[in-house]
Every structure is written in C-alpha cells, then in structure tokens.
C-alpha cells in the first residue's frame, strides 16, 4: 500500500502510519511537504525522492 491510496481511501495520518509501520510524524511530514492546492501530490513526492537518491552520493 502507498500513502496516496490510503489517503484517498480516507485514512488518517495515524492509521496510515500504523499500516506502513512508521511513526505518525513521518506521515504528517510527508503529507505536509508534498501538499498542493488539490491535496497530496504523489508524483511530486516520487520525483523528489528519486532526485535525492541520485544526488545523495554527490552531496557526501
């Protein structure tokens, strides 16, 4: 399951965190960081994560 499906289903941040076995603040930050005018932007989140993964070896 992914955050986008659980959020669309109407789950709360706490319930999403329980399902994904992460701390609820992790989900809250994820939703807040990738929020657009029409709600959670999963594509934006995926692109940011991909770029961070690629650029992280360069940063070190």
C-alpha atoms as a PDB file:
ATOM      1  CA  UNK A   1       0.000   0.000   0.000  1.00  0.00           C
ATOM      2  CA  UNK A   2       1.118   3.551  -0.569  1.00  0.00           C
ATOM      3  CA  UNK A   3       0.331   6.845   1.081  1.00  0.00           C
ATOM      4  CA  UNK A   4      -1.688   8.091  -1.912  1.00  0.00           C
ATOM      5  CA  UNK A   5      -4.098   5.138  -1.854  1.00  0.00           C
ATOM      6  CA  UNK A   6      -4.525   5.221   1.903  1.00  0.00           C
ATOM      7  CA  UNK A   7      -5.102   8.987   1.915  1.00  0.00           C
ATOM      8  CA  UNK A   8      -7.613   8.708  -0.954  1.00  0.00           C
ATOM      9  CA  UNK A   9      -9.381   5.978   0.991  1.00  0.00           C
ATOM     10  CA  UNK A  10      -9.843   8.474   3.814  1.00  0.00           C
ATOM     11  CA  UNK A  11      -7.374   7.076   6.333  1.00  0.00           C
ATOM     12  CA  UNK A  12      -5.893   9.453   8.899  1.00  0.00           C
ATOM     13  CA  UNK A  13      -2.173  10.103   9.237  1.00  0.00           C
ATOM     14  CA  UNK A  14      -2.076   7.907  12.328  1.00  0.00           C
ATOM     15  CA  UNK A  15      -3.815   4.987  10.653  1.00  0.00           C
ATOM     16  CA  UNK A  16      -1.573   5.290   7.577  1.00  0.00           C
ATOM     17  CA  UNK A  17       1.452   5.246   9.881  1.00  0.00           C
ATOM     18  CA  UNK A  18       0.178   2.106  11.627  1.00  0.00           C
ATOM     19  CA  UNK A  19      -0.406   0.335   8.325  1.00  0.00           C
ATOM     20  CA  UNK A  20       3.025   1.290   6.957  1.00  0.00           C
ATOM     21  CA  UNK A  21       4.716   0.668  10.330  1.00  0.00           C
ATOM     22  CA  UNK A  22       6.287   4.121  10.613  1.00  0.00           C
ATOM     23  CA  UNK A  23       5.899   6.926  13.138  1.00  0.00           C
ATOM     24  CA  UNK A  24       2.848   9.122  12.593  1.00  0.00           C
ATOM     25  CA  UNK A  25       5.027  12.244  12.367  1.00  0.00           C
ATOM     26  CA  UNK A  26       6.772  10.711   9.336  1.00  0.00           C
ATOM     27  CA  UNK A  27       3.442  10.531   7.511  1.00  0.00           C
ATOM     28  CA  UNK A  28       2.416  14.005   8.667  1.00  0.00           C
ATOM     29  CA  UNK A  29       5.685  15.485   7.353  1.00  0.00           C
ATOM     30  CA  UNK A  30       5.328  13.602   4.067  1.00  0.00           C
ATOM     31  CA  UNK A  31       1.800  14.891   3.518  1.00  0.00           C
ATOM     32  CA  UNK A  32       2.704  18.434   4.523  1.00  0.00           C
ATOM     33  CA  UNK A  33       5.887  18.567   2.421  1.00  0.00           C
ATOM     34  CA  UNK A  34       4.143  17.343  -0.750  1.00  0.00           C
ATOM     35  CA  UNK A  35       0.835  19.140  -0.437  1.00  0.00           C
ATOM     36  CA  UNK A  36      -0.503  21.079  -3.409  1.00  0.00           C
ATOM     37  CA  UNK A  37      -3.677  23.057  -3.937  1.00  0.00           C
ATOM     38  CA  UNK A  38      -5.577  19.858  -4.692  1.00  0.00           C
ATOM     39  CA  UNK A  39      -4.136  17.739  -1.887  1.00  0.00           C
ATOM     40  CA  UNK A  40      -1.239  15.294  -1.652  1.00  0.00           C
ATOM     41  CA  UNK A  41       0.958  15.257  -4.764  1.00  0.00           C
ATOM     42  CA  UNK A  42       2.347  11.740  -5.019  1.00  0.00           C
ATOM     43  CA  UNK A  43       4.158  12.346  -8.306  1.00  0.00           C
ATOM     44  CA  UNK A  44       5.982  15.331  -6.810  1.00  0.00           C
ATOM     45  CA  UNK A  45       6.932  13.217  -3.798  1.00  0.00           C
ATOM     46  CA  UNK A  46       8.248  10.431  -6.035  1.00  0.00           C
ATOM     47  CA  UNK A  47      10.298  12.839  -8.133  1.00  0.00           C
ATOM     48  CA  UNK A  48      11.827  14.476  -5.052  1.00  0.00           C
ATOM     49  CA  UNK A  49      12.727  11.082  -3.580  1.00  0.00           C
ATOM     50  CA  UNK A  50      14.272   9.942  -6.867  1.00  0.00           C
ATOM     51  CA  UNK A  51      16.363  13.095  -7.218  1.00  0.00           C
ATOM     52  CA  UNK A  52      17.500  12.884  -3.599  1.00  0.00           C
ATOM     53  CA  UNK A  53      18.596   9.295  -4.142  1.00  0.00           C
ATOM     54  CA  UNK A  54      20.562  10.207  -7.254  1.00  0.00           C
ATOM     55  CA  UNK A  55      22.140  13.335  -5.773  1.00  0.00           C
ATOM     56  CA  UNK A  56      22.933  11.975  -2.301  1.00  0.00           C
ATOM     57  CA  UNK A  57      26.269  10.365  -3.323  1.00  0.00           C
ATOM     58  CA  UNK A  58      27.301  13.703  -4.852  1.00  0.00           C
ATOM     59  CA  UNK A  59      26.494  15.603  -1.648  1.00  0.00           C
ATOM     60  CA  UNK A  60      28.690  13.388   0.558  1.00  0.00           C
END
